């Protein structure tokens, strides 16, 4: 698993970058589909453009990017949860509930 992560971390990062802007969409399924389709179209165009140089579709790379997209789509809800927790702690005077 560690070797896979060290090999495909750029794909995961690219997926995260594609997923994070769509995290502003309210419905999770829509944000996941929007960002996944955008990435897959971009990746397909990239592979087709570089086919003469030997670029081929890599299922593991696409899977790593999908993992990054999934994590990227959770950015807004995660940040919103942290902000809610911090504001509730600040308003309650620092006492935990």
C-alpha atoms as a PDB file:
ATOM      1  CA  UNK A   1       0.000   0.000   0.000  1.00  0.00           C
ATOM      2  CA  UNK A   2       2.803   2.388   0.856  1.00  0.00           C
ATOM      3  CA  UNK A   3       4.492   1.732  -2.484  1.00  0.00           C
ATOM      4  CA  UNK A   4       1.227   2.418  -4.315  1.00  0.00           C
ATOM      5  CA  UNK A   5       0.784   5.704  -2.448  1.00  0.00           C
ATOM      6  CA  UNK A   6       4.334   6.816  -3.185  1.00  0.00           C
ATOM      7  CA  UNK A   7       3.874   5.976  -6.871  1.00  0.00           C
ATOM      8  CA  UNK A   8       0.442   7.544  -7.398  1.00  0.00           C
ATOM      9  CA  UNK A   9       0.527  10.532  -5.025  1.00  0.00           C
ATOM     10  CA  UNK A  10       0.589  12.982  -7.982  1.00  0.00           C
ATOM     11  CA  UNK A  11      -2.646  11.443  -9.282  1.00  0.00           C
ATOM     12  CA  UNK A  12      -4.216  11.672  -5.833  1.00  0.00           C
ATOM     13  CA  UNK A  13      -3.117  15.312  -5.587  1.00  0.00           C
ATOM     14  CA  UNK A  14      -4.518  16.057  -9.057  1.00  0.00           C
ATOM     15  CA  UNK A  15      -7.808  14.453  -8.033  1.00  0.00           C
ATOM     16  CA  UNK A  16      -7.851  16.511  -4.847  1.00  0.00           C
ATOM     17  CA  UNK A  17      -7.308  19.658  -6.906  1.00  0.00           C
ATOM     18  CA  UNK A  18     -10.177  18.678  -9.221  1.00  0.00           C
ATOM     19  CA  UNK A  19     -12.473  17.799  -6.289  1.00  0.00           C
ATOM     20  CA  UNK A  20     -11.855  20.756  -3.958  1.00  0.00           C
ATOM     21  CA  UNK A  21     -13.501  23.472  -6.112  1.00  0.00           C
ATOM     22  CA  UNK A  22     -16.614  21.330  -6.449  1.00  0.00           C
ATOM     23  CA  UNK A  23     -16.870  20.877  -2.686  1.00  0.00           C
ATOM     24  CA  UNK A  24     -18.936  24.092  -2.682  1.00  0.00           C
ATOM     25  CA  UNK A  25     -21.791  22.215  -4.392  1.00  0.00           C
ATOM     26  CA  UNK A  26     -24.351  21.277  -1.730  1.00  0.00           C
ATOM     27  CA  UNK A  27     -25.283  17.773  -2.883  1.00  0.00           C
ATOM     28  CA  UNK A  28     -22.435  15.256  -2.398  1.00  0.00           C
ATOM     29  CA  UNK A  29     -23.346  13.034  -5.333  1.00  0.00           C
ATOM     30  CA  UNK A  30     -23.365  15.992  -7.737  1.00  0.00           C
ATOM     31  CA  UNK A  31     -20.027  17.334  -6.566  1.00  0.00           C
ATOM     32  CA  UNK A  32     -18.480  13.890  -6.870  1.00  0.00           C
ATOM     33  CA  UNK A  33     -19.888  13.321 -10.370  1.00  0.00           C
ATOM     34  CA  UNK A  34     -18.973  16.822 -11.621  1.00  0.00           C
ATOM     35  CA  UNK A  35     -15.375  16.587 -10.504  1.00  0.00           C
ATOM     36  CA  UNK A  36     -14.933  12.941 -11.597  1.00  0.00           C
ATOM     37  CA  UNK A  37     -16.297  13.600 -15.083  1.00  0.00           C
ATOM     38  CA  UNK A  38     -14.141  16.723 -15.449  1.00  0.00           C
ATOM     39  CA  UNK A  39     -11.028  14.781 -14.442  1.00  0.00           C
ATOM     40  CA  UNK A  40     -11.771  11.771 -16.649  1.00  0.00           C
ATOM     41  CA  UNK A  41     -12.392  13.978 -19.699  1.00  0.00           C
ATOM     42  CA  UNK A  42      -9.174  15.896 -19.029  1.00  0.00           C
ATOM     43  CA  UNK A  43      -7.212  12.677 -18.516  1.00  0.00           C
ATOM     44  CA  UNK A  44      -8.646  11.119 -21.697  1.00  0.00           C
ATOM     45  CA  UNK A  45      -7.720  14.222 -23.723  1.00  0.00           C
ATOM     46  CA  UNK A  46      -4.222  14.149 -22.193  1.00  0.00           C
ATOM     47  CA  UNK A  47      -3.750  10.464 -23.066  1.00  0.00           C
ATOM     48  CA  UNK A  48      -5.034  10.989 -26.619  1.00  0.00           C
ATOM     49  CA  UNK A  49      -2.805  14.032 -27.133  1.00  0.00           C
ATOM     50  CA  UNK A  50       0.295  12.169 -25.952  1.00  0.00           C
ATOM     51  CA  UNK A  51      -0.492   8.810 -27.532  1.00  0.00           C
ATOM     52  CA  UNK A  52       2.269   9.322 -30.086  1.00  0.00           C
ATOM     53  CA  UNK A  53       4.743   9.487 -27.182  1.00  0.00           C
ATOM     54  CA  UNK A  54       3.501   6.207 -25.753  1.00  0.00           C
ATOM     55  CA  UNK A  55       1.016   7.501 -23.156  1.00  0.00           C
ATOM     56  CA  UNK A  56      -1.564   4.880 -22.262  1.00  0.00           C
ATOM     57  CA  UNK A  57      -4.605   4.793 -20.020  1.00  0.00           C
ATOM     58  CA  UNK A  58      -3.611   3.645 -16.530  1.00  0.00           C
ATOM     59  CA  UNK A  59      -6.433   2.257 -14.413  1.00  0.00           C
ATOM     60  CA  UNK A  60      -4.478   2.619 -11.175  1.00  0.00           C
ATOM     61  CA  UNK A  61      -3.665   6.236 -11.947  1.00  0.00           C
ATOM     62  CA  UNK A  62      -7.329   6.950 -12.671  1.00  0.00           C
ATOM     63  CA  UNK A  63      -8.297   5.115  -9.465  1.00  0.00           C
ATOM     64  CA  UNK A  64      -5.818   7.157  -7.438  1.00  0.00           C
ATOM     65  CA  UNK A  65      -7.266  10.323  -8.900  1.00  0.00           C
ATOM     66  CA  UNK A  66     -10.778   9.164  -7.973  1.00  0.00           C
ATOM     67  CA  UNK A  67      -9.566   8.700  -4.399  1.00  0.00           C
ATOM     68  CA  UNK A  68      -8.206  12.252  -4.471  1.00  0.00           C
ATOM     69  CA  UNK A  69     -11.466  13.544  -5.911  1.00  0.00           C
ATOM     70  CA  UNK A  70     -13.424  11.847  -3.128  1.00  0.00           C
ATOM     71  CA  UNK A  71     -11.206  13.479  -0.491  1.00  0.00           C
ATOM     72  CA  UNK A  72     -11.318  16.813  -2.324  1.00  0.00           C
ATOM     73  CA  UNK A  73     -15.105  16.754  -2.328  1.00  0.00           C
ATOM     74  CA  UNK A  74     -15.037  16.528   1.472  1.00  0.00           C
ATOM     75  CA  UNK A  75     -13.068  19.783   1.911  1.00  0.00           C
ATOM     76  CA  UNK A  76     -16.025  22.158   2.406  1.00  0.00           C
ATOM     77  CA  UNK A  77     -17.990  19.901   4.773  1.00  0.00           C
ATOM     78  CA  UNK A  78     -14.838  19.202   6.777  1.00  0.00           C
ATOM     79  CA  UNK A  79     -13.912  22.868   7.085  1.00  0.00           C
ATOM     80  CA  UNK A  80     -17.521  23.756   7.950  1.00  0.00           C
ATOM     81  CA  UNK A  81     -17.509  21.155  10.744  1.00  0.00           C
ATOM     82  CA  UNK A  82     -14.254  22.497  12.172  1.00  0.00           C
ATOM     83  CA  UNK A  83     -15.557  26.075  12.038  1.00  0.00           C
ATOM     84  CA  UNK A  84     -18.804  25.037  13.772  1.00  0.00           C
ATOM     85  CA  UNK A  85     -16.849  23.272  16.498  1.00  0.00           C
ATOM     86  CA  UNK A  86     -14.529  26.248  17.029  1.00  0.00           C
ATOM     87  CA  UNK A  87     -17.379  28.761  17.159  1.00  0.00           C
ATOM     88  CA  UNK A  88     -19.312  26.619  19.613  1.00  0.00           C
ATOM     89  CA  UNK A  89     -16.232  26.365  21.861  1.00  0.00           C
ATOM     90  CA  UNK A  90     -15.613  30.114  21.647  1.00  0.00           C
ATOM     91  CA  UNK A  91     -19.253  31.005  22.373  1.00  0.00           C
ATOM     92  CA  UNK A  92     -19.491  28.641  25.296  1.00  0.00           C
ATOM     93  CA  UNK A  93     -16.486  30.254  26.975  1.00  0.00           C
ATOM     94  CA  UNK A  94     -14.073  27.423  26.286  1.00  0.00           C
ATOM     95  CA  UNK A  95     -16.021  24.801  28.272  1.00  0.00           C
ATOM     96  CA  UNK A  96     -16.448  21.514  26.436  1.00  0.00           C
ATOM     97  CA  UNK A  97     -19.868  19.988  26.052  1.00  0.00           C
END
